[in-house]
Amino acid sequence: MNTSERSMQLRVAAHMSWAKTKDRSARTANARKQSHHTRFIEQARQLHPDGTERQIAAAAEALKKAHYRQLALKSAQSRRIRKEQADADRERQNRQLLKTAGPGPAAA
């Protein structure tokens, strides 16, 4: 079975599994409980123990945005570093090729 067929088979199984699920909310409760959003709410409550629910929700939203911005920054930095390394490697290879090629026809 190739990967495409395997993927289709798994999708059918997933749809059948959800079709047999009576209480979808109960099935996903643990995942929701462990979600990032819950973590941000808890952090917001620690930062503002006397805050109203509205203040907690606003702080949690700000924490979530900060978290995803940090991830985006790390990703951008990683891409930049990889690009700089690839550029340096190409430059090193070009210098090596020029060194091993010896003098060109213009030197004759």
N, C-alpha and C. Protein backbone atom coordinates (compact mmCIF):
# COMPACT_ATOMS: atom_id res chain seq x y z
N MET A 1 0.86 -1.17 0.00
CA MET A 1 0.00 0.00 0.00
C MET A 1 0.91 1.24 0.00
N ASN A 2 0.65 2.16 -0.92
CA ASN A 2 1.48 3.37 -0.98
C ASN A 2 1.00 4.39 0.06
N THR A 3 1.73 5.47 0.20
CA THR A 3 1.41 6.45 1.24
C THR A 3 0.08 7.14 1.00
N SER A 4 -0.27 7.35 -0.25
CA SER A 4 -1.55 8.00 -0.55
C SER A 4 -2.72 7.10 -0.12
N GLU A 5 -2.62 5.83 -0.43
CA GLU A 5 -3.68 4.89 -0.03
C GLU A 5 -3.74 4.77 1.49
N ARG A 6 -2.59 4.74 2.12
CA ARG A 6 -2.55 4.65 3.58
C ARG A 6 -3.20 5.88 4.21
N SER A 7 -2.92 7.05 3.66
CA SER A 7 -3.51 8.28 4.16
C SER A 7 -5.03 8.24 4.02
N MET A 8 -5.51 7.79 2.88
CA MET A 8 -6.97 7.70 2.67
C MET A 8 -7.60 6.71 3.65
N GLN A 9 -6.92 5.57 3.87
CA GLN A 9 -7.42 4.58 4.80
C GLN A 9 -7.53 5.16 6.22
N LEU A 10 -6.52 5.92 6.61
CA LEU A 10 -6.54 6.53 7.94
C LEU A 10 -7.64 7.59 8.07
N ARG A 11 -7.88 8.33 7.01
CA ARG A 11 -8.96 9.32 7.04
C ARG A 11 -10.32 8.66 7.18
N VAL A 12 -10.51 7.55 6.46
CA VAL A 12 -11.78 6.81 6.58
C VAL A 12 -11.95 6.33 8.02
N ALA A 13 -10.88 5.79 8.59
CA ALA A 13 -10.95 5.31 9.97
C ALA A 13 -11.27 6.45 10.94
N ALA A 14 -10.67 7.60 10.72
CA ALA A 14 -10.94 8.74 11.60
C ALA A 14 -12.40 9.18 11.49
N HIS A 15 -12.92 9.24 10.27
CA HIS A 15 -14.32 9.63 10.09
C HIS A 15 -15.26 8.61 10.75
N MET A 16 -14.93 7.33 10.61
CA MET A 16 -15.76 6.29 11.24
C MET A 16 -15.70 6.42 12.76
N SER A 17 -14.53 6.70 13.28
CA SER A 17 -14.39 6.86 14.72
C SER A 17 -15.25 8.02 15.23
N TRP A 18 -15.20 9.17 14.52
CA TRP A 18 -16.01 10.31 14.94
C TRP A 18 -17.50 10.02 14.76
N ALA A 19 -17.86 9.24 13.75
CA ALA A 19 -19.27 8.89 13.54
C ALA A 19 -19.80 8.06 14.71
N LYS A 20 -18.95 7.26 15.30
CA LYS A 20 -19.36 6.40 16.41
C LYS A 20 -19.32 7.11 17.76
N THR A 21 -18.78 8.32 17.79
CA THR A 21 -18.64 9.06 19.04
C THR A 21 -19.94 9.79 19.37
N LYS A 22 -20.53 9.44 20.52
CA LYS A 22 -21.78 10.08 20.92
C LYS A 22 -21.53 11.47 21.50
N ASP A 23 -20.55 11.58 22.38
CA ASP A 23 -20.29 12.85 23.06
C ASP A 23 -18.92 13.37 22.63
N ARG A 24 -18.91 14.19 21.59
CA ARG A 24 -17.65 14.72 21.06
C ARG A 24 -16.94 15.60 22.09
N SER A 25 -17.71 16.34 22.84
CA SER A 25 -17.13 17.22 23.84
C SER A 25 -16.36 16.42 24.90
N ALA A 26 -16.94 15.33 25.35
CA ALA A 26 -16.28 14.49 26.35
C ALA A 26 -15.02 13.86 25.77
N ARG A 27 -15.08 13.49 24.49
CA ARG A 27 -13.92 12.86 23.85
C ARG A 27 -12.72 13.81 23.77
N THR A 28 -12.99 15.08 23.61
CA THR A 28 -11.90 16.05 23.45
C THR A 28 -11.62 16.85 24.73
N ALA A 29 -12.28 16.51 25.82
CA ALA A 29 -12.15 17.28 27.06
C ALA A 29 -10.71 17.33 27.57
N ASN A 30 -10.01 16.20 27.57
CA ASN A 30 -8.63 16.19 28.08
C ASN A 30 -7.72 17.07 27.23
N ALA A 31 -7.89 17.03 25.93
CA ALA A 31 -7.06 17.86 25.05
C ALA A 31 -7.34 19.34 25.31
N ARG A 32 -8.61 19.69 25.47
CA ARG A 32 -8.94 21.09 25.76
C ARG A 32 -8.37 21.51 27.10
N LYS A 33 -8.40 20.59 28.06
CA LYS A 33 -7.90 20.90 29.39
C LYS A 33 -6.39 21.17 29.34
N GLN A 34 -5.68 20.50 28.46
CA GLN A 34 -4.24 20.65 28.35
C GLN A 34 -3.82 21.71 27.32
N SER A 35 -4.80 22.37 26.73
CA SER A 35 -4.49 23.31 25.65
C SER A 35 -3.70 24.51 26.15
N HIS A 36 -3.07 25.19 25.20
CA HIS A 36 -2.32 26.40 25.52
C HIS A 36 -3.22 27.44 26.17
N HIS A 37 -4.46 27.54 25.69
CA HIS A 37 -5.35 28.57 26.21
C HIS A 37 -5.52 28.43 27.72
N THR A 38 -5.69 27.21 28.18
CA THR A 38 -5.84 26.98 29.62
C THR A 38 -4.59 27.44 30.36
N ARG A 39 -3.43 27.16 29.77
CA ARG A 39 -2.17 27.58 30.38
C ARG A 39 -2.10 29.09 30.50
N PHE A 40 -2.54 29.79 29.46
CA PHE A 40 -2.49 31.25 29.48
C PHE A 40 -3.46 31.81 30.53
N ILE A 41 -4.60 31.20 30.66
CA ILE A 41 -5.57 31.62 31.69
C ILE A 41 -4.95 31.47 33.08
N GLU A 42 -4.30 30.32 33.30
CA GLU A 42 -3.68 30.08 34.60
C GLU A 42 -2.56 31.09 34.88
N GLN A 43 -1.75 31.38 33.87
CA GLN A 43 -0.69 32.37 34.04
C GLN A 43 -1.28 33.75 34.33
N ALA A 44 -2.35 34.09 33.64
CA ALA A 44 -2.99 35.39 33.85
C ALA A 44 -3.54 35.49 35.26
N ARG A 45 -4.09 34.41 35.79
CA ARG A 45 -4.62 34.42 37.16
C ARG A 45 -3.49 34.59 38.18
N GLN A 46 -2.33 34.00 37.88
CA GLN A 46 -1.19 34.17 38.78
C GLN A 46 -0.68 35.61 38.75
N LEU A 47 -0.70 36.23 37.56
CA LEU A 47 -0.25 37.61 37.45
C LEU A 47 -1.24 38.60 38.07
N HIS A 48 -2.53 38.27 38.00
CA HIS A 48 -3.59 39.15 38.49
C HIS A 48 -4.56 38.37 39.37
N PRO A 49 -4.12 38.01 40.57
CA PRO A 49 -4.97 37.17 41.43
C PRO A 49 -6.30 37.84 41.81
N ASP A 50 -6.35 39.15 41.80
CA ASP A 50 -7.58 39.84 42.17
C ASP A 50 -8.32 40.37 40.94
N GLY A 51 -7.90 39.96 39.75
CA GLY A 51 -8.51 40.48 38.52
C GLY A 51 -9.89 39.92 38.26
N THR A 52 -10.68 40.69 37.53
CA THR A 52 -12.00 40.21 37.13
C THR A 52 -11.82 39.21 35.98
N GLU A 53 -12.89 38.50 35.66
CA GLU A 53 -12.81 37.53 34.56
C GLU A 53 -12.43 38.22 33.25
N ARG A 54 -12.96 39.43 33.06
CA ARG A 54 -12.64 40.18 31.84
C ARG A 54 -11.15 40.54 31.80
N GLN A 55 -10.60 40.96 32.94
CA GLN A 55 -9.18 41.30 33.02
C GLN A 55 -8.31 40.06 32.81
N ILE A 56 -8.74 38.95 33.40
CA ILE A 56 -8.00 37.69 33.24
C ILE A 56 -8.00 37.27 31.77
N ALA A 57 -9.16 37.37 31.13
CA ALA A 57 -9.26 36.99 29.71
C ALA A 57 -8.38 37.88 28.84
N ALA A 58 -8.35 39.18 29.13
CA ALA A 58 -7.52 40.11 28.36
C ALA A 58 -6.03 39.81 28.57
N ALA A 59 -5.65 39.53 29.81
CA ALA A 59 -4.26 39.20 30.11
C ALA A 59 -3.87 37.89 29.44
N ALA A 60 -4.77 36.90 29.47
CA ALA A 60 -4.49 35.61 28.84
C ALA A 60 -4.31 35.79 27.33
N GLU A 61 -5.12 36.62 26.73
CA GLU A 61 -4.99 36.88 25.29
C GLU A 61 -3.65 37.55 24.98
N ALA A 62 -3.23 38.48 25.81
CA ALA A 62 -1.93 39.14 25.62
C ALA A 62 -0.79 38.14 25.80
N LEU A 63 -0.90 37.26 26.79
CA LEU A 63 0.12 36.23 27.00
C LEU A 63 0.21 35.30 25.80
N LYS A 64 -0.94 34.94 25.25
CA LYS A 64 -0.98 34.07 24.09
C LYS A 64 -0.32 34.75 22.89
N LYS A 65 -0.65 36.00 22.66
CA LYS A 65 -0.03 36.74 21.55
C LYS A 65 1.47 36.85 21.73
N ALA A 66 1.91 37.11 22.95
CA ALA A 66 3.34 37.21 23.23
C ALA A 66 4.03 35.88 22.95
N HIS A 67 3.40 34.80 23.36
CA HIS A 67 3.96 33.46 23.16
C HIS A 67 4.15 33.18 21.66
N TYR A 68 3.12 33.45 20.88
CA TYR A 68 3.22 33.16 19.45
C TYR A 68 4.18 34.12 18.74
N ARG A 69 4.30 35.33 19.22
CA ARG A 69 5.29 36.26 18.66
C ARG A 69 6.71 35.78 18.97
N GLN A 70 6.91 35.24 20.17
CA GLN A 70 8.22 34.69 20.52
C GLN A 70 8.56 33.52 19.59
N LEU A 71 7.58 32.66 19.34
CA LEU A 71 7.81 31.54 18.43
C LEU A 71 8.14 32.04 17.03
N ALA A 72 7.42 33.06 16.56
CA ALA A 72 7.68 33.62 15.23
C ALA A 72 9.07 34.23 15.16
N LEU A 73 9.48 34.91 16.21
CA LEU A 73 10.82 35.50 16.25
C LEU A 73 11.90 34.42 16.19
N LYS A 74 11.74 33.37 16.99
CA LYS A 74 12.72 32.28 16.96
C LYS A 74 12.77 31.62 15.59
N SER A 75 11.62 31.46 14.97
CA SER A 75 11.57 30.86 13.64
C SER A 75 12.28 31.74 12.62
N ALA A 76 12.04 33.04 12.67
CA ALA A 76 12.69 33.97 11.74
C ALA A 76 14.20 33.98 11.95
N GLN A 77 14.62 33.96 13.20
CA GLN A 77 16.05 33.93 13.50
C GLN A 77 16.69 32.64 12.98
N SER A 78 16.01 31.54 13.17
CA SER A 78 16.51 30.25 12.70
C SER A 78 16.62 30.23 11.18
N ARG A 79 15.61 30.76 10.49
CA ARG A 79 15.66 30.81 9.02
C ARG A 79 16.81 31.70 8.55
N ARG A 80 17.01 32.84 9.22
CA ARG A 80 18.10 33.74 8.85
C ARG A 80 19.45 33.06 9.03
N ILE A 81 19.63 32.39 10.15
CA ILE A 81 20.90 31.72 10.42
C ILE A 81 21.15 30.62 9.39
N ARG A 82 20.13 29.83 9.09
CA ARG A 82 20.29 28.78 8.08
C ARG A 82 20.65 29.36 6.73
N LYS A 83 20.02 30.49 6.34
CA LYS A 83 20.31 31.12 5.07
C LYS A 83 21.74 31.63 5.04
N GLU A 84 22.17 32.27 6.13
CA GLU A 84 23.54 32.79 6.20
C GLU A 84 24.56 31.65 6.11
N GLN A 85 24.25 30.54 6.76
CA GLN A 85 25.15 29.38 6.70
C GLN A 85 25.20 28.80 5.28
N ALA A 86 24.04 28.71 4.64
CA ALA A 86 23.99 28.20 3.27
C ALA A 86 24.74 29.13 2.32
N ASP A 87 24.57 30.44 2.49
CA ASP A 87 25.30 31.40 1.66
C ASP A 87 26.81 31.28 1.87
N ALA A 88 27.24 31.13 3.11
CA ALA A 88 28.66 30.99 3.42
C ALA A 88 29.20 29.69 2.82
N ASP A 89 28.42 28.62 2.90
CA ASP A 89 28.85 27.34 2.31
C ASP A 89 29.00 27.45 0.81
N ARG A 90 28.04 28.12 0.16
CA ARG A 90 28.13 28.31 -1.30
C ARG A 90 29.36 29.14 -1.66
N GLU A 91 29.60 30.17 -0.90
CA GLU A 91 30.77 31.02 -1.16
C GLU A 91 32.06 30.23 -0.98
N ARG A 92 32.12 29.42 0.06
CA ARG A 92 33.29 28.58 0.31
C ARG A 92 33.49 27.58 -0.84
N GLN A 93 32.40 26.98 -1.30
CA GLN A 93 32.49 26.04 -2.43
C GLN A 93 32.96 26.74 -3.70
N ASN A 94 32.46 27.94 -3.95
CA ASN A 94 32.87 28.70 -5.14
C ASN A 94 34.36 29.03 -5.08
N ARG A 95 34.84 29.45 -3.91
CA ARG A 95 36.27 29.75 -3.77
C ARG A 95 37.11 28.51 -3.99
N GLN A 96 36.62 27.38 -3.46
CA GLN A 96 37.35 26.12 -3.62
C GLN A 96 37.38 25.71 -5.10
N LEU A 97 36.27 25.87 -5.79
CA LEU A 97 36.23 25.54 -7.22
C LEU A 97 37.19 26.42 -8.02
N LEU A 98 37.21 27.70 -7.70
CA LEU A 98 38.11 28.61 -8.41
C LEU A 98 39.58 28.27 -8.12
N LYS A 99 39.84 27.86 -6.88
CA LYS A 99 41.21 27.51 -6.51
C LYS A 99 41.67 26.25 -7.24
N THR A 100 40.80 25.25 -7.32
CA THR A 100 41.17 23.97 -7.96
C THR A 100 41.17 24.07 -9.48
N ALA A 101 40.42 25.03 -10.04
CA ALA A 101 40.35 25.16 -11.50
C ALA A 101 41.65 25.72 -12.06
N GLY A 102 42.40 26.43 -11.29
CA GLY A 102 43.65 27.00 -11.75
C GLY A 102 43.40 28.23 -12.59
N PRO A 103 44.45 28.71 -13.25
CA PRO A 103 44.31 29.93 -14.05
C PRO A 103 43.42 29.66 -15.27
N GLY A 104 42.59 30.63 -15.58
CA GLY A 104 41.68 30.51 -16.71
C GLY A 104 42.37 30.88 -18.03
N PRO A 105 41.63 30.88 -19.12
CA PRO A 105 42.20 31.19 -20.43
C PRO A 105 42.75 32.60 -20.52
N ALA A 106 42.30 33.51 -19.71
CA ALA A 106 42.78 34.90 -19.78
C ALA A 106 44.24 35.00 -19.34
N ALA A 107 44.73 34.04 -18.54
CA ALA A 107 46.09 34.08 -18.06
C ALA A 107 47.09 33.63 -19.12
N ALA A 108 46.64 32.97 -20.16
CA ALA A 108 47.56 32.45 -21.19
C ALA A 108 48.06 33.50 -22.13
